[in-house]
Protein backbone atom coordinates (compact mmCIF):
# COMPACT_ATOMS: atom_id res chain seq x y z
CA MET A 1 -6.79 -1.26 -33.16
CA ALA A 2 -6.74 -4.88 -34.27
CA PRO A 3 -5.99 -5.03 -37.99
CA LYS A 4 -5.88 -8.22 -40.00
CA SER A 5 -3.76 -9.00 -43.04
CA ILE A 6 -5.59 -9.43 -46.31
CA GLY A 7 -3.24 -10.63 -49.04
CA ALA A 8 -0.51 -8.05 -49.52
CA ASP A 9 -2.48 -5.48 -47.49
CA VAL A 10 -0.86 -5.60 -44.04
CA GLU A 11 -0.21 -3.21 -41.17
CA GLY A 12 3.48 -2.48 -41.66
CA PHE A 13 4.28 -1.38 -38.13
CA GLY A 14 1.55 0.53 -36.36
CA ILE A 15 3.01 3.74 -35.00
CA VAL A 16 -0.37 4.48 -33.39
CA TYR A 17 0.51 1.93 -30.70
CA LEU A 18 3.75 3.76 -29.89
CA GLU A 19 1.92 7.09 -29.81
CA ALA A 20 -0.56 5.71 -27.28
CA ASN A 21 2.23 4.11 -25.24
CA LEU A 22 4.10 7.42 -25.22
CA MET A 23 1.07 8.91 -23.46
CA GLY A 24 1.24 6.10 -20.89
CA LYS A 25 -1.71 4.19 -22.33
CA PRO A 26 -1.84 0.41 -22.67
CA VAL A 27 -2.72 -0.83 -26.15
CA ILE A 28 -4.55 -3.71 -27.78
CA GLY A 29 -3.33 -4.89 -31.16
CA SER A 30 -3.48 -7.98 -33.31
CA ARG A 31 -0.92 -10.56 -34.25
CA ALA A 32 -0.79 -9.34 -37.84
CA GLY A 33 1.84 -7.67 -39.98
CA GLY A 34 4.25 -5.53 -38.01
CA VAL A 35 1.95 -4.96 -35.03
CA PRO A 36 3.84 -7.44 -32.78
CA ASP A 37 6.98 -5.34 -33.40
CA ALA A 38 5.20 -2.33 -31.92
CA VAL A 39 3.23 -4.08 -29.16
CA LYS A 40 5.02 -6.36 -26.71
CA ASP A 41 2.31 -8.76 -25.57
CA GLY A 42 1.78 -8.60 -21.82
CA GLU A 43 4.50 -5.96 -21.51
CA THR A 44 3.29 -2.80 -23.27
CA GLY A 45 -0.15 -4.00 -24.30
CA LEU A 46 -2.15 -7.04 -25.30
CA LEU A 47 -2.12 -8.90 -28.61
CA VAL A 48 -5.12 -10.80 -29.94
CA ASN A 49 -5.69 -12.93 -33.00
CA PRO A 50 -6.94 -10.82 -35.91
CA GLY A 51 -10.57 -11.22 -36.83
CA ASP A 52 -11.53 -12.58 -33.39
CA PRO A 53 -14.10 -10.20 -31.88
CA ALA A 54 -14.40 -12.29 -28.70
CA ALA A 55 -10.65 -12.03 -28.08
CA ILE A 56 -10.75 -8.28 -28.66
CA ALA A 57 -13.68 -7.93 -26.24
CA ASP A 58 -11.88 -10.09 -23.66
CA ALA A 59 -8.77 -7.89 -23.91
CA VAL A 60 -10.86 -4.72 -23.47
CA VAL A 61 -12.65 -6.17 -20.44
CA LYS A 62 -9.35 -7.37 -18.96
CA LEU A 63 -7.95 -3.84 -19.10
CA MET A 64 -11.17 -2.23 -17.87
CA ASP A 65 -11.29 -4.60 -14.90
CA ASP A 66 -7.65 -4.14 -13.91
CA PRO A 67 -6.49 -0.52 -13.52
CA THR A 68 -3.18 -1.74 -12.07
CA LEU A 69 -2.47 -3.75 -15.23
CA CYS A 70 -3.40 -0.71 -17.34
CA ALA A 71 -0.94 1.44 -15.41
CA LEU A 72 1.85 -1.13 -15.61
CA LEU A 73 1.42 -1.70 -19.36
CA GLY A 74 1.18 2.04 -20.00
CA GLN A 75 4.28 2.83 -17.94
CA ALA A 76 6.28 0.05 -19.57
CA GLY A 77 5.11 1.22 -22.99
CA ARG A 78 6.17 4.81 -22.32
CA LYS A 79 9.57 3.66 -21.06
CA ARG A 80 10.09 1.50 -24.14
CA VAL A 81 9.12 4.29 -26.54
CA MET A 82 11.45 6.75 -24.82
CA GLU A 83 14.36 4.29 -24.79
CA GLU A 84 13.97 2.56 -28.15
CA PHE A 85 12.18 5.05 -30.38
CA GLY A 86 13.31 8.48 -29.18
CA TRP A 87 14.97 10.91 -31.60
CA LYS A 88 18.43 10.36 -30.19
CA ARG A 89 18.23 6.59 -30.65
CA GLN A 90 16.67 6.84 -34.11
CA THR A 91 19.01 9.47 -35.53
CA ALA A 92 22.30 7.98 -34.28
CA PRO A 93 22.55 5.33 -37.06
CA LEU A 94 21.76 7.96 -39.70
CA VAL A 95 24.39 10.37 -38.39
CA GLU A 96 26.93 7.54 -38.23
CA ALA A 97 26.20 6.56 -41.84
CA LEU A 98 26.46 10.15 -43.05
CA LEU A 99 29.80 10.67 -41.32
CA LYS A 100 31.28 7.44 -42.62
CA GLU A 101 34.05 7.73 -45.18
CA PRO A 102 32.84 6.65 -48.62
CA ALA A 103 34.17 3.34 -49.91
CA PRO A 104 36.94 3.72 -52.52
């Protein structure tokens, strides 16, 4: 998925990338909106410039031609999702805020 920003219409984050990473799949996204927050270029997937079909095709071919790279990106993506976006990590700040004494 390689969205592009059009005015105020932007991809806010792109949870679909994390869902794919969680399944151990490498991802291809674009350098638009919040996508680079979800996809770490060369670490959990590949980022391309939005609106560049040749770059998207090159990224697809790169992954198709290199199963080792696919596996490494997918494994790193799964590890990142589990460590940074798991329930325990995401709920801890909320629980802390709810347990905090209210300001006088």
